[in-house]
PDB file of all heavy atoms in Angstrom:
ATOM      1  N   ILE A   1      62.359  60.518-111.665  1.00  0.00           N
ATOM      2  CA  ILE A   1      61.359  60.878-110.724  1.00  0.00           C
ATOM      3  C   ILE A   1      60.903  62.262-110.996  1.00  0.00           C
ATOM      4  O   ILE A   1      61.747  63.233-110.945  1.00  0.00           O
ATOM      5  CB  ILE A   1      61.627  60.650-109.332  1.00  0.00           C
ATOM      6  CG1 ILE A   1      62.042  59.226-108.963  1.00  0.00           C
ATOM      7  CG2 ILE A   1      60.554  61.111-108.352  1.00  0.00           C
ATOM      8  CD1 ILE A   1      62.451  58.948-107.540  1.00  0.00           C
ATOM      9  N   GLY A   2      59.651  62.603-111.297  1.00  0.00           N
ATOM     10  CA  GLY A   2      59.162  63.893-111.580  1.00  0.00           C
ATOM     11  C   GLY A   2      57.851  64.147-110.870  1.00  0.00           C
ATOM     12  O   GLY A   2      57.497  63.393-109.976  1.00  0.00           O
ATOM     13  N   GLY A   3      57.129  65.159-111.245  1.00  0.00           N
ATOM     14  CA  GLY A   3      55.811  65.536-110.626  1.00  0.00           C
ATOM     15  C   GLY A   3      55.965  66.014-109.301  1.00  0.00           C
ATOM     16  O   GLY A   3      57.090  66.254-108.713  1.00  0.00           O
ATOM     17  N   ALA A   4      54.975  66.193-108.511  1.00  0.00           N
ATOM     18  CA  ALA A   4      55.067  66.729-107.143  1.00  0.00           C
ATOM     19  C   ALA A   4      55.790  65.641-106.268  1.00  0.00           C
ATOM     20  O   ALA A   4      56.305  66.109-105.244  1.00  0.00           O
ATOM     21  CB  ALA A   4      53.634  66.948-106.652  1.00  0.00           C
ATOM     22  N   MET A   5      55.752  64.405-106.628  1.00  0.00           N
ATOM     23  CA  MET A   5      56.417  63.348-105.677  1.00  0.00           C
ATOM     24  C   MET A   5      57.957  63.667-105.706  1.00  0.00           C
ATOM     25  O   MET A   5      58.624  63.389-104.643  1.00  0.00           O
ATOM     26  CB  MET A   5      56.175  62.006-106.102  1.00  0.00           C
ATOM     27  CG  MET A   5      56.533  61.575-107.541  1.00  0.00           C
ATOM     28  SD  MET A   5      56.135  59.774-107.894  1.00  0.00           S
ATOM     29  CE  MET A   5      57.126  58.940-106.656  1.00  0.00           C
ATOM     30  N   SER A   6      58.410  64.095-106.779  1.00  0.00           N
ATOM     31  CA  SER A   6      59.892  64.554-106.777  1.00  0.00           C
ATOM     32  C   SER A   6      60.275  65.608-105.718  1.00  0.00           C
ATOM     33  O   SER A   6      61.417  65.726-105.215  1.00  0.00           O
ATOM     34  CB  SER A   6      60.410  65.031-108.156  1.00  0.00           C
ATOM     35  OG  SER A   6      59.863  66.191-108.545  1.00  0.00           O
ATOM     36  N   ASN A   7      59.324  66.453-105.380  1.00  0.00           N
ATOM     37  CA  ASN A   7      59.590  67.484-104.306  1.00  0.00           C
ATOM     38  C   ASN A   7      59.964  66.880-103.003  1.00  0.00           C
ATOM     39  O   ASN A   7      60.947  67.366-102.306  1.00  0.00           O
ATOM     40  CB  ASN A   7      58.293  68.318-103.988  1.00  0.00           C
ATOM     41  CG  ASN A   7      57.781  69.086-105.238  1.00  0.00           C
ATOM     42  OD1 ASN A   7      58.592  69.456-106.178  1.00  0.00           O
ATOM     43  ND2 ASN A   7      56.527  69.312-105.241  1.00  0.00           N
ATOM     44  N   THR A   8      59.380  65.750-102.655  1.00  0.00           N
ATOM     45  CA  THR A   8      59.727  65.017-101.451  1.00  0.00           C
ATOM     46  C   THR A   8      61.163  64.517-101.505  1.00  0.00           C
ATOM     47  O   THR A   8      61.948  64.594-100.580  1.00  0.00           O
ATOM     48  CB  THR A   8      58.741  63.879-101.099  1.00  0.00           C
ATOM     49  OG1 THR A   8      57.376  64.484-101.024  1.00  0.00           O
ATOM     50  CG2 THR A   8      59.081  63.160 -99.912  1.00  0.00           C
ATOM     51  N   PHE A   9      61.559  64.006-102.639  1.00  0.00           N
ATOM     52  CA  PHE A   9      62.926  63.424-102.834  1.00  0.00           C
ATOM     53  C   PHE A   9      63.839  64.653-102.869  1.00  0.00           C
ATOM     54  O   PHE A   9      64.989  64.403-102.173  1.00  0.00           O
ATOM     55  CB  PHE A   9      62.965  62.748-104.165  1.00  0.00           C
ATOM     56  CG  PHE A   9      62.449  61.316-104.018  1.00  0.00           C
ATOM     57  CD1 PHE A   9      61.188  61.131-104.302  1.00  0.00           C
ATOM     58  CD2 PHE A   9      63.314  60.304-103.690  1.00  0.00           C
ATOM     59  CE1 PHE A   9      60.708  59.799-104.265  1.00  0.00           C
ATOM     60  CE2 PHE A   9      62.879  59.016-103.678  1.00  0.00           C
ATOM     61  CZ  PHE A   9      61.452  58.781-103.866  1.00  0.00           C
ATOM     62  N   LEU A  10      63.616  65.723-103.412  1.00  0.00           N
ATOM     63  CA  LEU A  10      64.461  66.957-103.328  1.00  0.00           C
ATOM     64  C   LEU A  10      64.672  67.453-102.068  1.00  0.00           C
ATOM     65  O   LEU A  10      65.785  67.837-101.566  1.00  0.00           O
ATOM     66  CB  LEU A  10      63.955  67.937-104.332  1.00  0.00           C
ATOM     67  CG  LEU A  10      64.033  67.541-105.827  1.00  0.00           C
ATOM     68  CD1 LEU A  10      63.395  68.652-106.757  1.00  0.00           C
ATOM     69  CD2 LEU A  10      65.562  67.541-106.280  1.00  0.00           C
ATOM     70  N   GLN A  11      63.499  67.545-101.282  1.00  0.00           N
ATOM     71  CA  GLN A  11      63.619  67.941 -99.829  1.00  0.00           C
ATOM     72  C   GLN A  11      64.484  66.961 -99.013  1.00  0.00           C
ATOM     73  O   GLN A  11      65.271  67.370 -98.137  1.00  0.00           O
ATOM     74  CB  GLN A  11      62.152  68.036 -99.290  1.00  0.00           C
ATOM     75  CG  GLN A  11      62.019  68.617 -97.932  1.00  0.00           C
ATOM     76  CD  GLN A  11      61.841  70.200 -97.933  1.00  0.00           C
ATOM     77  OE1 GLN A  11      61.762  70.747 -98.915  1.00  0.00           O
ATOM     78  NE2 GLN A  11      61.873  70.693 -96.664  1.00  0.00           N
ATOM     79  N   ALA A  12      64.317  65.640 -99.365  1.00  0.00           N
ATOM     80  CA  ALA A  12      65.129  64.678 -98.577  1.00  0.00           C
ATOM     81  C   ALA A  12      66.633  64.770 -98.797  1.00  0.00           C
ATOM     82  O   ALA A  12      67.372  64.435 -97.877  1.00  0.00           O
ATOM     83  CB  ALA A  12      64.557  63.231 -99.058  1.00  0.00           C
ATOM     84  N   VAL A  13      66.915  65.292 -99.965  1.00  0.00           N
ATOM     85  CA  VAL A  13      68.496  65.428-100.209  1.00  0.00           C
ATOM     86  C   VAL A  13      68.915  66.824 -99.795  1.00  0.00           C
ATOM     87  O   VAL A  13      70.145  67.201 -99.983  1.00  0.00           O
ATOM     88  CB  VAL A  13      68.862  65.204-101.546  1.00  0.00           C
ATOM     89  CG1 VAL A  13      68.479  63.869-102.020  1.00  0.00           C
ATOM     90  CG2 VAL A  13      68.194  66.218-102.538  1.00  0.00           C
ATOM     91  N   GLY A  14      68.032  67.635 -99.104  1.00  0.00           N
ATOM     92  CA  GLY A  14      68.612  68.955 -98.498  1.00  0.00           C
ATOM     93  C   GLY A  14      68.063  70.141 -99.182  1.00  0.00           C
ATOM     94  O   GLY A  14      68.375  71.267 -98.707  1.00  0.00           O
ATOM     95  N   TYR A  15      67.193  70.122-100.226  1.00  0.00           N
ATOM     96  CA  TYR A  15      66.730  71.307-100.903  1.00  0.00           C
ATOM     97  C   TYR A  15      65.447  71.885 -99.980  1.00  0.00           C
ATOM     98  O   TYR A  15      64.727  71.060 -99.487  1.00  0.00           O
ATOM     99  CB  TYR A  15      66.334  71.050-102.283  1.00  0.00           C
ATOM    100  CG  TYR A  15      67.441  70.560-103.204  1.00  0.00           C
ATOM    101  CD1 TYR A  15      67.115  70.350-104.540  1.00  0.00           C
ATOM    102  CD2 TYR A  15      68.846  70.651-102.872  1.00  0.00           C
ATOM    103  CE1 TYR A  15      68.163  69.977-105.453  1.00  0.00           C
ATOM    104  CE2 TYR A  15      69.756  70.292-103.685  1.00  0.00           C
ATOM    105  CZ  TYR A  15      69.457  69.940-104.982  1.00  0.00           C
ATOM    106  OH  TYR A  15      70.443  69.618-105.858  1.00  0.00           O
ATOM    107  N   ASP A  16      65.425  73.152-100.061  1.00  0.00           N
ATOM    108  CA  ASP A  16      64.291  73.753 -99.469  1.00  0.00           C
ATOM    109  C   ASP A  16      63.213  74.018-100.499  1.00  0.00           C
ATOM    110  O   ASP A  16      63.327  74.910-101.412  1.00  0.00           O
ATOM    111  CB  ASP A  16      64.598  74.992 -98.809  1.00  0.00           C
ATOM    112  CG  ASP A  16      63.424  75.876 -98.111  1.00  0.00           C
ATOM    113  OD1 ASP A  16      62.269  75.293 -98.219  1.00  0.00           O
ATOM    114  OD2 ASP A  16      63.627  76.920 -97.392  1.00  0.00           O
ATOM    115  N   MET A  17      62.180  73.227-100.631  1.00  0.00           N
ATOM    116  CA  MET A  17      61.186  73.226-101.715  1.00  0.00           C
ATOM    117  C   MET A  17      60.074  74.387-101.411  1.00  0.00           C
ATOM    118  O   MET A  17      59.091  74.324-102.195  1.00  0.00           O
ATOM    119  CB  MET A  17      60.590  71.950-101.862  1.00  0.00           C
ATOM    120  CG  MET A  17      61.656  70.838-102.242  1.00  0.00           C
ATOM    121  SD  MET A  17      62.565  71.339-103.780  1.00  0.00           S
ATOM    122  CE  MET A  17      61.347  71.206-105.069  1.00  0.00           C
ATOM    123  N   LYS A  18      60.239  75.155-100.448  1.00  0.00           N
ATOM    124  CA  LYS A  18      59.439  76.267-100.140  1.00  0.00           C
ATOM    125  C   LYS A  18      57.954  75.709-100.032  1.00  0.00           C
ATOM    126  O   LYS A  18      57.630  74.988 -99.186  1.00  0.00           O
ATOM    127  CB  LYS A  18      59.520  77.350-101.178  1.00  0.00           C
ATOM    128  CG  LYS A  18      61.020  77.973-101.312  1.00  0.00           C
ATOM    129  CD  LYS A  18      61.403  78.559-100.025  1.00  0.00           C
ATOM    130  CE  LYS A  18      62.560  79.427-100.078  1.00  0.00           C
ATOM    131  NZ  LYS A  18      63.867  78.694-100.504  1.00  0.00           N
ATOM    132  N   ASN A  19      57.039  76.356-100.852  1.00  0.00           N
ATOM    133  CA  ASN A  19      55.627  75.963-100.701  1.00  0.00           C
ATOM    134  C   ASN A  19      55.200  74.729-101.484  1.00  0.00           C
ATOM    135  O   ASN A  19      54.003  74.459-101.542  1.00  0.00           O
ATOM    136  CB  ASN A  19      54.702  77.112-101.135  1.00  0.00           C
ATOM    137  CG  ASN A  19      54.717  78.249-100.103  1.00  0.00           C
ATOM    138  OD1 ASN A  19      55.428  78.291 -99.098  1.00  0.00           O
ATOM    139  ND2 ASN A  19      53.834  79.269-100.273  1.00  0.00           N
ATOM    140  N   SER A  20      56.041  74.092-102.036  1.00  0.00           N
ATOM    141  CA  SER A  20      55.814  72.892-102.874  1.00  0.00           C
ATOM    142  C   SER A  20      55.197  71.760-102.070  1.00  0.00           C
ATOM    143  O   SER A  20      55.412  71.682-100.848  1.00  0.00           O
ATOM    144  CB  SER A  20      57.051  72.320-103.580  1.00  0.00           C
ATOM    145  OG  SER A  20      57.672  73.400-104.230  1.00  0.00           O
ATOM    146  N   LEU A  21      54.408  70.983-102.694  1.00  0.00           N
ATOM    147  CA  LEU A  21      53.670  69.801-102.015  1.00  0.00           C
ATOM    148  C   LEU A  21      54.810  68.851-101.584  1.00  0.00           C
ATOM    149  O   LEU A  21      55.537  68.421-102.329  1.00  0.00           O
ATOM    150  CB  LEU A  21      52.707  69.096-102.870  1.00  0.00           C
ATOM    151  CG  LEU A  21      51.979  67.853-102.484  1.00  0.00           C
ATOM    152  CD1 LEU A  21      51.165  68.263-101.333  1.00  0.00           C
ATOM    153  CD2 LEU A  21      51.148  67.101-103.552  1.00  0.00           C
ATOM    154  N   ILE A  22      54.867  68.617-100.361  1.00  0.00           N
ATOM    155  CA  ILE A  22      55.781  67.743 -99.704  1.00  0.00           C
ATOM    156  C   ILE A  22      55.138  66.752 -98.751  1.00  0.00           C
ATOM    157  O   ILE A  22      54.277  67.171 -98.000  1.00  0.00           O
ATOM    158  CB  ILE A  22      56.850  68.464 -98.800  1.00  0.00           C
ATOM    159  CG1 ILE A  22      57.635  69.489 -99.622  1.00  0.00           C
ATOM    160  CG2 ILE A  22      57.870  67.582 -98.137  1.00  0.00           C
ATOM    161  CD1 ILE A  22      58.615  68.969-100.616  1.00  0.00           C
ATOM    162  N   GLU A  23      55.577  65.474 -98.687  1.00  0.00           N
ATOM    163  CA  GLU A  23      55.125  64.475 -97.654  1.00  0.00           C
ATOM    164  C   GLU A  23      56.221  64.390 -96.738  1.00  0.00           C
ATOM    165  O   GLU A  23      57.209  63.510 -96.746  1.00  0.00           O
ATOM    166  CB  GLU A  23      54.802  63.080 -98.474  1.00  0.00           C
ATOM    167  CG  GLU A  23      53.576  63.282 -99.305  1.00  0.00           C
ATOM    168  CD  GLU A  23      53.334  62.010 -99.958  1.00  0.00           C
ATOM    169  OE1 GLU A  23      54.003  61.732-101.096  1.00  0.00           O
ATOM    170  OE2 GLU A  23      52.428  61.146 -99.434  1.00  0.00           O
ATOM    171  N   GLU A  24      56.109  65.159 -95.598  1.00  0.00           N
ATOM    172  CA  GLU A  24      57.137  65.259 -94.648  1.00  0.00           C
ATOM    173  C   GLU A  24      57.383  63.866 -93.948  1.00  0.00           C
ATOM    174  O   GLU A  24      58.543  63.570 -93.616  1.00  0.00           O
ATOM    175  CB  GLU A  24      56.830  66.329 -93.497  1.00  0.00           C
ATOM    176  CG  GLU A  24      56.628  67.736 -94.127  1.00  0.00           C
ATOM    177  CD  GLU A  24      58.040  68.435 -94.070  1.00  0.00           C
ATOM    178  OE1 GLU A  24      59.010  67.720 -93.691  1.00  0.00           O
ATOM    179  OE2 GLU A  24      58.051  69.617 -94.731  1.00  0.00           O
ATOM    180  N   ASN A  25      56.263  63.203 -93.927  1.00  0.00           N
ATOM    181  CA  ASN A  25      56.500  61.870 -93.055  1.00  0.00           C
ATOM    182  C   ASN A  25      57.226  60.867 -93.929  1.00  0.00           C
ATOM    183  O   ASN A  25      57.529  59.701 -93.409  1.00  0.00           O
ATOM    184  CB  ASN A  25      55.094  61.342 -92.681  1.00  0.00           C
ATOM    185  CG  ASN A  25      54.201  61.120 -93.893  1.00  0.00           C
ATOM    186  OD1 ASN A  25      54.154  61.879 -94.765  1.00  0.00           O
ATOM    187  ND2 ASN A  25      53.408  60.001 -93.866  1.00  0.00           N
ATOM    188  N   LEU A  26      57.401  61.138 -95.148  1.00  0.00           N
ATOM    189  CA  LEU A  26      58.140  60.182 -96.065  1.00  0.00           C
ATOM    190  C   LEU A  26      59.469  60.530 -96.439  1.00  0.00           C
ATOM    191  O   LEU A  26      60.108  59.904 -97.423  1.00  0.00           O
ATOM    192  CB  LEU A  26      57.292  59.931 -97.324  1.00  0.00           C
ATOM    193  CG  LEU A  26      55.959  59.122 -96.980  1.00  0.00           C
ATOM    194  CD1 LEU A  26      55.179  58.995 -98.436  1.00  0.00           C
ATOM    195  CD2 LEU A  26      56.216  57.715 -96.462  1.00  0.00           C
ATOM    196  N   LEU A  27      60.078  61.483 -95.855  1.00  0.00           N
ATOM    197  CA  LEU A  27      61.459  61.950 -96.202  1.00  0.00           C
ATOM    198  C   LEU A  27      62.462  60.985 -95.954  1.00  0.00           C
ATOM    199  O   LEU A  27      63.339  60.747 -96.838  1.00  0.00           O
ATOM    200  CB  LEU A  27      61.764  63.284 -95.340  1.00  0.00           C
ATOM    201  CG  LEU A  27      60.953  64.643 -95.703  1.00  0.00           C
ATOM    202  CD1 LEU A  27      61.347  65.666 -94.875  1.00  0.00           C
ATOM    203  CD2 LEU A  27      61.257  64.940 -97.285  1.00  0.00           C
ATOM    204  N   GLU A  28      62.383  60.233 -94.845  1.00  0.00           N
ATOM    205  CA  GLU A  28      63.289  59.233 -94.626  1.00  0.00           C
ATOM    206  C   GLU A  28      63.164  58.006 -95.538  1.00  0.00           C
ATOM    207  O   GLU A  28      64.252  57.347 -96.036  1.00  0.00           O
ATOM    208  CB  GLU A  28      63.259  58.707 -93.181  1.00  0.00           C
ATOM    209  CG  GLU A  28      64.371  57.809 -92.647  1.00  0.00           C
ATOM    210  CD  GLU A  28      65.661  58.346 -92.855  1.00  0.00           C
ATOM    211  OE1 GLU A  28      65.917  59.597 -92.600  1.00  0.00           O
ATOM    212  OE2 GLU A  28      66.602  57.629 -93.252  1.00  0.00           O
TER     213      GLU A  28
END
């Protein structure tokens, strides 16, 4: 998994992705 969609997965495992594009509603 790469691209901006990987930001959501990285955020989901506990990383702070700062200003990266994140889909907060899909973390779970």
